Amino acid sequence: MSAYLETSFLVSLYTSDANSTAAALAMRRATGPFPIGPFGELELANAIELRRFRREINAEQARAALADVASDLAHGVFYAVAIPAAIYDHARMLARKHAAVSGTRTLDILHVAAALTLAAESFYTFDRRQAQLARAEGLATPVRIP
């Protein structure tokens, strides 16, 4: 089963927070390798650095997290994908269909659109609204959100 790992899930996987244990357990059950595009890599790097800015992690922890991401990319845990421009058409459709009701934000919609465009079957996130959107579009959401 192909799975898409969204940034909130990945940040919890690579840095310590309230969802890290759940992320690690979910990864043990998930089947990879997992797709990641330039957008996902950028958002993950930025999210890790934002945790540093907020003083939730220190500089060494941020460096270690980014090194772990790079190592996992190099060792095939992830595989790089080019996200086709059609993702934006899909995202616009999702926004028109769901945003007024669900309150999902643009980046959340883009992640779900990427998962759908890449034909993922499951979507790993700790974001409630994003999980609701993913489920509404037929994606399984195996992670229990506390």
Protein backbone atom coordinates (compact mmCIF):
# COMPACT_ATOMS: atom_id res chain seq x y z
CA MET A 1 0.00 0.00 0.00
CA SER A 2 1.45 3.35 -0.98
CA ALA A 3 1.53 5.97 1.74
CA TYR A 4 2.06 9.72 1.79
CA LEU A 5 3.74 11.13 4.91
CA GLU A 6 2.69 14.71 5.54
CA THR A 7 4.88 17.29 7.29
CA SER A 8 3.18 17.24 10.72
CA PHE A 9 3.81 13.50 10.84
CA LEU A 10 7.41 13.82 9.62
CA VAL A 11 8.29 16.58 12.09
CA SER A 12 7.07 14.37 14.92
CA LEU A 13 9.10 11.51 13.50
CA TYR A 14 12.36 13.47 13.26
CA THR A 15 12.06 15.72 16.34
CA SER A 16 10.74 15.00 19.80
CA ASP A 17 7.23 16.20 20.54
CA ALA A 18 3.90 14.94 21.92
CA ASN A 19 3.27 12.87 18.76
CA SER A 20 6.73 11.34 18.33
CA THR A 21 5.89 8.00 19.93
CA ALA A 22 2.79 7.63 17.78
CA ALA A 23 4.77 8.56 14.67
CA ALA A 24 7.45 5.96 15.43
CA LEU A 25 4.83 3.26 16.03
CA ALA A 26 3.01 4.15 12.81
CA MET A 27 6.27 3.96 10.85
CA ARG A 28 6.87 0.43 12.10
CA ARG A 29 3.55 -0.59 10.54
CA ALA A 30 3.87 1.48 7.34
CA THR A 31 5.27 0.08 4.13
CA GLY A 32 7.78 2.21 2.26
CA PRO A 33 9.56 3.58 0.48
CA PHE A 34 7.61 6.82 0.69
CA PRO A 35 7.38 9.55 -1.94
CA ILE A 36 8.63 13.03 -1.12
CA GLY A 37 8.73 15.98 -3.47
CA PRO A 38 10.63 19.26 -3.33
CA PHE A 39 7.62 20.91 -1.66
CA GLY A 40 7.59 18.26 1.09
CA GLU A 41 11.35 18.49 1.62
CA LEU A 42 11.16 22.28 1.84
CA GLU A 43 8.26 22.27 4.26
CA LEU A 44 9.95 19.65 6.46
CA ALA A 45 13.23 21.58 6.61
CA ASN A 46 11.35 24.78 7.40
CA ALA A 47 9.23 23.10 10.09
CA ILE A 48 12.35 21.76 11.80
CA GLU A 49 13.97 25.22 11.72
CA LEU A 50 10.74 26.78 13.03
CA ARG A 51 10.89 24.41 16.00
CA ARG A 52 14.38 25.79 16.59
CA PHE A 53 13.15 29.39 16.26
CA ARG A 54 10.43 28.66 18.82
CA ARG A 55 13.08 27.16 21.12
CA GLU A 56 11.34 23.79 21.08
CA ILE A 57 14.62 22.24 19.93
CA ASN A 58 18.19 23.52 19.92
CA ALA A 59 20.62 23.95 17.03
CA GLU A 60 22.21 20.53 17.54
CA GLN A 61 18.83 18.80 17.58
CA ALA A 62 17.84 20.60 14.37
CA ARG A 63 21.12 19.59 12.68
CA ALA A 64 20.63 15.99 13.81
CA ALA A 65 17.03 15.91 12.55
CA LEU A 66 18.05 17.31 9.15
CA ALA A 67 20.93 14.83 8.97
CA ASP A 68 18.51 11.97 9.74
CA VAL A 69 16.21 13.16 6.94
CA ALA A 70 19.15 13.30 4.52
CA SER A 71 20.26 9.83 5.59
CA ASP A 72 16.79 8.40 5.08
CA LEU A 73 16.65 9.99 1.63
CA ALA A 74 20.04 8.50 0.77
CA HIS A 75 19.09 5.05 2.10
CA GLY A 76 15.80 4.76 0.25
CA VAL A 77 13.30 5.32 3.04
CA PHE A 78 11.99 8.07 0.77
CA TYR A 79 12.16 8.43 -2.97
CA ALA A 80 12.21 11.77 -4.70
CA VAL A 81 9.26 12.56 -6.92
CA ALA A 82 8.55 15.44 -9.22
CA ILE A 83 5.10 16.72 -8.49
CA PRO A 84 3.34 17.46 -11.78
CA ALA A 85 1.68 20.82 -12.34
CA ALA A 86 -1.66 18.99 -12.33
CA ILE A 87 -1.43 19.03 -8.54
CA TYR A 88 -2.63 22.63 -8.62
CA ASP A 89 -5.72 21.74 -10.65
CA HIS A 90 -6.45 18.98 -8.16
CA ALA A 91 -5.84 21.36 -5.24
CA ARG A 92 -8.16 24.01 -6.71
CA MET A 93 -10.89 21.38 -7.03
CA LEU A 94 -10.33 20.29 -3.41
CA ALA A 95 -10.43 23.89 -2.21
CA ARG A 96 -13.71 24.59 -3.99
CA LYS A 97 -15.20 21.33 -2.78
CA HIS A 98 -14.06 21.34 0.87
CA ALA A 99 -12.46 24.54 2.22
CA ALA A 100 -15.65 26.44 3.02
CA VAL A 101 -16.91 23.51 5.06
CA SER A 102 -13.71 22.06 6.52
CA GLY A 103 -11.51 25.14 7.01
CA THR A 104 -8.48 23.44 5.46
CA ARG A 105 -5.55 25.68 4.57
CA THR A 106 -3.78 25.87 1.23
CA LEU A 107 -0.69 23.89 2.25
CA ASP A 108 -2.88 21.18 3.77
CA ILE A 109 -4.88 20.98 0.55
CA LEU A 110 -1.66 20.80 -1.48
CA HIS A 111 -0.45 17.81 0.55
CA VAL A 112 -3.71 15.94 0.04
CA ALA A 113 -3.66 16.84 -3.66
CA ALA A 114 -0.07 15.54 -3.89
CA ALA A 115 -1.07 12.27 -2.23
CA LEU A 116 -3.98 11.86 -4.62
CA THR A 117 -1.88 12.82 -7.65
CA LEU A 118 0.73 10.25 -6.62
CA ALA A 119 -2.02 7.61 -6.21
CA ALA A 120 -1.33 7.11 -2.50
CA GLU A 121 -3.74 4.89 -0.64
CA SER A 122 -3.02 6.22 2.84
CA PHE A 123 -2.17 9.59 4.33
CA TYR A 124 -0.19 10.02 7.55
CA THR A 125 -0.83 13.29 9.41
CA PHE A 126 -1.43 14.66 12.88
CA ASP A 127 -3.58 17.52 11.53
CA ARG A 128 -7.29 16.89 12.15
CA ARG A 129 -8.67 19.01 9.32
CA GLN A 130 -6.19 17.61 6.88
CA ALA A 131 -7.05 14.07 7.95
CA GLN A 132 -10.76 14.82 7.45
CA LEU A 133 -10.03 16.12 3.96
CA ALA A 134 -7.92 13.07 3.14
CA ARG A 135 -10.68 10.72 4.33
CA ALA A 136 -13.32 12.67 2.39
CA GLU A 137 -11.24 12.03 -0.73
CA GLY A 138 -10.92 8.31 -0.05
CA LEU A 139 -7.49 8.12 1.57
CA ALA A 140 -6.99 5.94 4.63
CA THR A 141 -5.62 7.83 7.65
CA PRO A 142 -3.96 5.19 9.83
CA VAL A 143 -2.62 7.56 12.49
CA ARG A 144 -4.79 8.16 15.53
CA ILE A 145 -4.80 11.88 16.29
CA PRO A 146 -4.74 12.58 20.06
